[in-house]
Amino acid sequence: MGVTIRKPTARQCEDCGRKEVWNDATSTWCVARDDDGERVAGNVYCIHEWDINGTFVPLENVADADV
């Protein structure tokens, strides 16, 4: 059995609500937009607290092809 390491594609600040999504084309985090097209930038003075110990699990078990 193998293991795949995944990376998150979205994150949200626990303090100010800023939302960001990963942009594969530029390999950077970008401010997300809500349903109305408005940027969810949060507070410019916030030291963003990303939920790094939350529900996202970077390790994913992958079954071997030979089994």
PDB file of N, CA and C in Angstrom:
ATOM      1  N   MET A   1       0.854  -1.180   0.000  1.00  0.00           N
ATOM      2  CA  MET A   1       0.000   0.000   0.000  1.00  0.00           C
ATOM      3  C   MET A   1       0.891   1.232   0.000  1.00  0.00           C
ATOM      4  N   GLY A   2       0.602   2.179  -0.863  1.00  0.00           N
ATOM      5  CA  GLY A   2       1.378   3.404  -0.955  1.00  0.00           C
ATOM      6  C   GLY A   2       0.664   4.570  -0.305  1.00  0.00           C
ATOM      7  N   VAL A   3       1.376   5.673  -0.191  1.00  0.00           N
ATOM      8  CA  VAL A   3       0.817   6.884   0.399  1.00  0.00           C
ATOM      9  C   VAL A   3       1.031   8.039  -0.564  1.00  0.00           C
ATOM     10  N   THR A   4      -0.006   8.820  -0.772  1.00  0.00           N
ATOM     11  CA  THR A   4       0.069  10.023  -1.587  1.00  0.00           C
ATOM     12  C   THR A   4      -0.015  11.233  -0.670  1.00  0.00           C
ATOM     13  N   ILE A   5       0.849  12.220  -0.904  1.00  0.00           N
ATOM     14  CA  ILE A   5       0.797  13.459  -0.125  1.00  0.00           C
ATOM     15  C   ILE A   5       0.020  14.486  -0.935  1.00  0.00           C
ATOM     16  N   ARG A   6      -1.078  14.971  -0.352  1.00  0.00           N
ATOM     17  CA  ARG A   6      -1.932  15.959  -1.013  1.00  0.00           C
ATOM     18  C   ARG A   6      -1.632  17.339  -0.458  1.00  0.00           C
ATOM     19  N   LYS A   7      -1.926  18.364  -1.224  1.00  0.00           N
ATOM     20  CA  LYS A   7      -1.813  19.736  -0.735  1.00  0.00           C
ATOM     21  C   LYS A   7      -3.198  20.369  -0.730  1.00  0.00           C
ATOM     22  N   PRO A   8      -3.446  21.301   0.169  1.00  0.00           N
ATOM     23  CA  PRO A   8      -4.758  21.946   0.202  1.00  0.00           C
ATOM     24  C   PRO A   8      -4.946  22.839  -1.024  1.00  0.00           C
ATOM     25  N   THR A   9      -6.204  23.034  -1.409  1.00  0.00           N
ATOM     26  CA  THR A   9      -6.509  23.908  -2.541  1.00  0.00           C
ATOM     27  C   THR A   9      -7.286  25.147  -2.110  1.00  0.00           C
ATOM     28  N   ALA A  10      -7.684  25.196  -0.844  1.00  0.00           N
ATOM     29  CA  ALA A  10      -8.402  26.362  -0.313  1.00  0.00           C
ATOM     30  C   ALA A  10      -8.106  26.482   1.170  1.00  0.00           C
ATOM     31  N   ARG A  11      -8.161  27.714   1.683  1.00  0.00           N
ATOM     32  CA  ARG A  11      -7.951  27.948   3.115  1.00  0.00           C
ATOM     33  C   ARG A  11      -8.705  29.203   3.530  1.00  0.00           C
ATOM     34  N   GLN A  12      -9.005  29.292   4.828  1.00  0.00           N
ATOM     35  CA  GLN A  12      -9.732  30.440   5.361  1.00  0.00           C
ATOM     36  C   GLN A  12      -9.126  30.842   6.696  1.00  0.00           C
ATOM     37  N   CYS A  13      -8.917  32.129   6.903  1.00  0.00           N
ATOM     38  CA  CYS A  13      -8.386  32.647   8.161  1.00  0.00           C
ATOM     39  C   CYS A  13      -9.429  32.479   9.255  1.00  0.00           C
ATOM     40  N   GLU A  14      -9.004  31.949  10.391  1.00  0.00           N
ATOM     41  CA  GLU A  14      -9.923  31.742  11.511  1.00  0.00           C
ATOM     42  C   GLU A  14     -10.294  33.042  12.200  1.00  0.00           C
ATOM     43  N   ASP A  15      -9.473  34.086  12.046  1.00  0.00           N
ATOM     44  CA  ASP A  15      -9.733  35.355  12.737  1.00  0.00           C
ATOM     45  C   ASP A  15     -10.577  36.337  11.922  1.00  0.00           C
ATOM     46  N   CYS A  16     -10.189  36.588  10.659  1.00  0.00           N
ATOM     47  CA  CYS A  16     -10.876  37.637   9.893  1.00  0.00           C
ATOM     48  C   CYS A  16     -11.749  37.099   8.758  1.00  0.00           C
ATOM     49  N   GLY A  17     -11.667  35.804   8.464  1.00  0.00           N
ATOM     50  CA  GLY A  17     -12.519  35.231   7.432  1.00  0.00           C
ATOM     51  C   GLY A  17     -11.965  35.289   6.018  1.00  0.00           C
ATOM     52  N   ARG A  18     -10.736  35.805   5.846  1.00  0.00           N
ATOM     53  CA  ARG A  18     -10.133  35.858   4.503  1.00  0.00           C
ATOM     54  C   ARG A  18     -10.116  34.454   3.899  1.00  0.00           C
ATOM     55  N   LYS A  19     -10.503  34.360   2.617  1.00  0.00           N
ATOM     56  CA  LYS A  19     -10.495  33.072   1.920  1.00  0.00           C
ATOM     57  C   LYS A  19      -9.518  33.149   0.753  1.00  0.00           C
ATOM     58  N   GLU A  20      -8.729  32.085   0.599  1.00  0.00           N
ATOM     59  CA  GLU A  20      -7.780  32.006  -0.499  1.00  0.00           C
ATOM     60  C   GLU A  20      -7.886  30.649  -1.176  1.00  0.00           C
ATOM     61  N   VAL A  21      -7.592  30.635  -2.468  1.00  0.00           N
ATOM     62  CA  VAL A  21      -7.574  29.395  -3.246  1.00  0.00           C
ATOM     63  C   VAL A  21      -6.216  29.283  -3.926  1.00  0.00           C
ATOM     64  N   TRP A  22      -5.765  28.053  -4.154  1.00  0.00           N
ATOM     65  CA  TRP A  22      -4.485  27.815  -4.802  1.00  0.00           C
ATOM     66  C   TRP A  22      -4.641  27.964  -6.308  1.00  0.00           C
ATOM     67  N   ASN A  23      -3.723  28.701  -6.932  1.00  0.00           N
ATOM     68  CA  ASN A  23      -3.717  28.906  -8.379  1.00  0.00           C
ATOM     69  C   ASN A  23      -2.554  28.106  -8.963  1.00  0.00           C
ATOM     70  N   ASP A  24      -2.860  27.010  -9.661  1.00  0.00           N
ATOM     71  CA  ASP A  24      -1.816  26.161 -10.245  1.00  0.00           C
ATOM     72  C   ASP A  24      -1.008  26.894 -11.323  1.00  0.00           C
ATOM     73  N   ALA A  25      -1.635  27.808 -12.041  1.00  0.00           N
ATOM     74  CA  ALA A  25      -0.958  28.518 -13.132  1.00  0.00           C
ATOM     75  C   ALA A  25       0.176  29.399 -12.609  1.00  0.00           C
ATOM     76  N   THR A  26      -0.038  30.028 -11.456  1.00  0.00           N
ATOM     77  CA  THR A  26       0.979  30.929 -10.894  1.00  0.00           C
ATOM     78  C   THR A  26       1.702  30.327  -9.694  1.00  0.00           C
ATOM     79  N   SER A  27       1.241  29.171  -9.231  1.00  0.00           N
ATOM     80  CA  SER A  27       1.810  28.488  -8.047  1.00  0.00           C
ATOM     81  C   SER A  27       1.809  29.397  -6.814  1.00  0.00           C
ATOM     82  N   THR A  28       0.682  30.103  -6.611  1.00  0.00           N
ATOM     83  CA  THR A  28       0.530  30.988  -5.458  1.00  0.00           C
ATOM     84  C   THR A  28      -0.896  30.909  -4.923  1.00  0.00           C
ATOM     85  N   TRP A  29      -1.077  31.406  -3.700  1.00  0.00           N
ATOM     86  CA  TRP A  29      -2.406  31.553  -3.124  1.00  0.00           C
ATOM     87  C   TRP A  29      -3.004  32.856  -3.630  1.00  0.00           C
ATOM     88  N   CYS A  30      -4.288  32.853  -3.996  1.00  0.00           N
ATOM     89  CA  CYS A  30      -5.003  34.041  -4.482  1.00  0.00           C
ATOM     90  C   CYS A  30      -6.260  34.237  -3.643  1.00  0.00           C
ATOM     91  N   VAL A  31      -6.651  35.495  -3.466  1.00  0.00           N
ATOM     92  CA  VAL A  31      -7.864  35.800  -2.719  1.00  0.00           C
ATOM     93  C   VAL A  31      -9.062  35.230  -3.463  1.00  0.00           C
ATOM     94  N   ALA A  32      -9.916  34.509  -2.740  1.00  0.00           N
ATOM     95  CA  ALA A  32     -11.106  33.897  -3.335  1.00  0.00           C
ATOM     96  C   ALA A  32     -12.201  34.939  -3.527  1.00  0.00           C
ATOM     97  N   ARG A  33     -13.172  34.593  -4.335  1.00  0.00           N
ATOM     98  CA  ARG A  33     -14.339  35.456  -4.572  1.00  0.00           C
ATOM     99  C   ARG A  33     -15.586  34.732  -4.076  1.00  0.00           C
ATOM    100  N   ASP A  34     -16.542  35.508  -3.559  1.00  0.00           N
ATOM    101  CA  ASP A  34     -17.801  34.911  -3.105  1.00  0.00           C
ATOM    102  C   ASP A  34     -18.744  34.736  -4.287  1.00  0.00           C
ATOM    103  N   ASP A  35     -19.968  34.344  -4.002  1.00  0.00           N
ATOM    104  CA  ASP A  35     -20.951  34.085  -5.065  1.00  0.00           C
ATOM    105  C   ASP A  35     -21.282  35.323  -5.894  1.00  0.00           C
ATOM    106  N   ASP A  36     -21.122  36.516  -5.301  1.00  0.00           N
ATOM    107  CA  ASP A  36     -21.413  37.764  -6.008  1.00  0.00           C
ATOM    108  C   ASP A  36     -20.210  38.292  -6.780  1.00  0.00           C
ATOM    109  N   GLY A  37     -19.075  37.584  -6.708  1.00  0.00           N
ATOM    110  CA  GLY A  37     -17.874  38.031  -7.407  1.00  0.00           C
ATOM    111  C   GLY A  37     -16.999  38.958  -6.595  1.00  0.00           C
ATOM    112  N   GLU A  38     -17.403  39.238  -5.353  1.00  0.00           N
ATOM    113  CA  GLU A  38     -16.621  40.114  -4.482  1.00  0.00           C
ATOM    114  C   GLU A  38     -15.476  39.327  -3.846  1.00  0.00           C
ATOM    115  N   ARG A  39     -14.315  39.959  -3.726  1.00  0.00           N
ATOM    116  CA  ARG A  39     -13.168  39.321  -3.095  1.00  0.00           C
ATOM    117  C   ARG A  39     -13.380  39.202  -1.587  1.00  0.00           C
ATOM    118  N   VAL A  40     -13.038  38.054  -1.023  1.00  0.00           N
ATOM    119  CA  VAL A  40     -13.170  37.812   0.413  1.00  0.00           C
ATOM    120  C   VAL A  40     -11.784  38.034   1.021  1.00  0.00           C
ATOM    121  N   ALA A  41     -11.402  39.331   1.146  1.00  0.00           N
ATOM    122  CA  ALA A  41     -10.043  39.691   1.538  1.00  0.00           C
ATOM    123  C   ALA A  41      -9.829  39.741   3.044  1.00  0.00           C
ATOM    124  N   GLY A  42     -10.885  39.815   3.826  1.00  0.00           N
ATOM    125  CA  GLY A  42     -10.720  39.879   5.276  1.00  0.00           C
ATOM    126  C   GLY A  42     -10.137  41.205   5.722  1.00  0.00           C
ATOM    127  N   ASN A  43      -9.407  41.201   6.822  1.00  0.00           N
ATOM    128  CA  ASN A  43      -8.836  42.404   7.407  1.00  0.00           C
ATOM    129  C   ASN A  43      -7.377  42.534   6.972  1.00  0.00           C
ATOM    130  N   VAL A  44      -7.025  43.670   6.390  1.00  0.00           N
ATOM    131  CA  VAL A  44      -5.671  43.885   5.883  1.00  0.00           C
ATOM    132  C   VAL A  44      -4.628  43.851   6.999  1.00  0.00           C
ATOM    133  N   TYR A  45      -5.005  44.157   8.233  1.00  0.00           N
ATOM    134  CA  TYR A  45      -4.060  44.194   9.355  1.00  0.00           C
ATOM    135  C   TYR A  45      -3.990  42.877  10.127  1.00  0.00           C
ATOM    136  N   CYS A  46      -4.727  41.882   9.698  1.00  0.00           N
ATOM    137  CA  CYS A  46      -4.765  40.590  10.376  1.00  0.00           C
ATOM    138  C   CYS A  46      -3.493  39.788  10.069  1.00  0.00           C
ATOM    139  N   ILE A  47      -2.945  39.147  11.098  1.00  0.00           N
ATOM    140  CA  ILE A  47      -1.891  38.155  10.887  1.00  0.00           C
ATOM    141  C   ILE A  47      -2.647  36.841  10.766  1.00  0.00           C
ATOM    142  N   HIS A  48      -2.882  36.409   9.535  1.00  0.00           N
ATOM    143  CA  HIS A  48      -3.815  35.324   9.250  1.00  0.00           C
ATOM    144  C   HIS A  48      -3.470  34.033   9.973  1.00  0.00           C
ATOM    145  N   GLU A  49      -4.480  33.454  10.571  1.00  0.00           N
ATOM    146  CA  GLU A  49      -4.376  32.190  11.306  1.00  0.00           C
ATOM    147  C   GLU A  49      -5.085  31.127  10.482  1.00  0.00           C
ATOM    148  N   TRP A  50      -4.304  30.405   9.671  1.00  0.00           N
ATOM    149  CA  TRP A  50      -4.862  29.343   8.835  1.00  0.00           C
ATOM    150  C   TRP A  50      -5.046  28.107   9.696  1.00  0.00           C
ATOM    151  N   ASP A  51      -6.092  27.383   9.455  1.00  0.00           N
ATOM    152  CA  ASP A  51      -6.414  26.189  10.242  1.00  0.00           C
ATOM    153  C   ASP A  51      -5.514  25.028   9.807  1.00  0.00           C
ATOM    154  N   ILE A  52      -4.229  25.097  10.206  1.00  0.00           N
ATOM    155  CA  ILE A  52      -3.276  24.083   9.749  1.00  0.00           C
ATOM    156  C   ILE A  52      -3.394  22.767  10.505  1.00  0.00           C
ATOM    157  N   ASN A  53      -4.058  22.762  11.637  1.00  0.00           N
ATOM    158  CA  ASN A  53      -4.235  21.531  12.408  1.00  0.00           C
ATOM    159  C   ASN A  53      -5.678  21.060  12.384  1.00  0.00           C
ATOM    160  N   GLY A  54      -6.407  21.454  11.382  1.00  0.00           N
ATOM    161  CA  GLY A  54      -7.835  21.154  11.316  1.00  0.00           C
ATOM    162  C   GLY A  54      -8.159  19.839  10.649  1.00  0.00           C
ATOM    163  N   THR A  55      -9.159  19.837   9.797  1.00  0.00           N
ATOM    164  CA  THR A  55      -9.697  18.605   9.230  1.00  0.00           C
ATOM    165  C   THR A  55      -8.957  18.140   7.985  1.00  0.00           C
ATOM    166  N   PHE A  56      -8.129  18.985   7.362  1.00  0.00           N
ATOM    167  CA  PHE A  56      -7.413  18.571   6.156  1.00  0.00           C
ATOM    168  C   PHE A  56      -6.334  17.552   6.520  1.00  0.00           C
ATOM    169  N   VAL A  57      -6.335  16.428   5.834  1.00  0.00           N
ATOM    170  CA  VAL A  57      -5.342  15.373   6.068  1.00  0.00           C
ATOM    171  C   VAL A  57      -4.486  15.259   4.809  1.00  0.00           C
ATOM    172  N   PRO A  58      -3.181  15.590   4.902  1.00  0.00           N
ATOM    173  CA  PRO A  58      -2.342  15.581   3.718  1.00  0.00           C
ATOM    174  C   PRO A  58      -1.942  14.192   3.221  1.00  0.00           C
ATOM    175  N   LEU A  59      -2.097  13.161   4.058  1.00  0.00           N
ATOM    176  CA  LEU A  59      -1.722  11.816   3.657  1.00  0.00           C
ATOM    177  C   LEU A  59      -2.950  11.031   3.219  1.00  0.00           C
ATOM    178  N   GLU A  60      -2.827  10.345   2.085  1.00  0.00           N
ATOM    179  CA  GLU A  60      -3.936   9.566   1.546  1.00  0.00           C
ATOM    180  C   GLU A  60      -3.402   8.183   1.169  1.00  0.00           C
ATOM    181  N   ASN A  61      -4.011   7.137   1.701  1.00  0.00           N
ATOM    182  CA  ASN A  61      -3.595   5.781   1.362  1.00  0.00           C
ATOM    183  C   ASN A  61      -4.027   5.439  -0.054  1.00  0.00           C
ATOM    184  N   VAL A  62      -3.107   4.819  -0.790  1.00  0.00           N
ATOM    185  CA  VAL A  62      -3.386   4.408  -2.161  1.00  0.00           C
ATOM    186  C   VAL A  62      -3.114   2.908  -2.252  1.00  0.00           C
ATOM    187  N   ALA A  63      -4.087   2.148  -2.739  1.00  0.00           N
ATOM    188  CA  ALA A  63      -3.908   0.694  -2.881  1.00  0.00           C
ATOM    189  C   ALA A  63      -2.922   0.395  -4.000  1.00  0.00           C
ATOM    190  N   ASP A  64      -2.071  -0.602  -3.791  1.00  0.00           N
ATOM    191  CA  ASP A  64      -1.114  -1.012  -4.832  1.00  0.00           C
ATOM    192  C   ASP A  64      -1.851  -1.593  -6.024  1.00  0.00           C
ATOM    193  N   ALA A  65      -1.330  -1.387  -7.203  1.00  0.00           N
ATOM    194  CA  ALA A  65      -1.968  -1.900  -8.427  1.00  0.00           C
ATOM    195  C   ALA A  65      -1.859  -3.412  -8.536  1.00  0.00           C
ATOM    196  N   ASP A  66      -0.865  -4.027  -7.861  1.00  0.00           N
ATOM    197  CA  ASP A  66      -0.637  -5.470  -7.960  1.00  0.00           C
ATOM    198  C   ASP A  66      -1.556  -6.279  -7.045  1.00  0.00           C
ATOM    199  N   VAL A  67      -2.239  -5.619  -6.120  1.00  0.00           N
ATOM    200  CA  VAL A  67      -3.056  -6.358  -5.143  1.00  0.00           C
ATOM    201  C   VAL A  67      -4.404  -6.679  -5.700  1.00  0.00           C
TER     202      VAL A  67
END
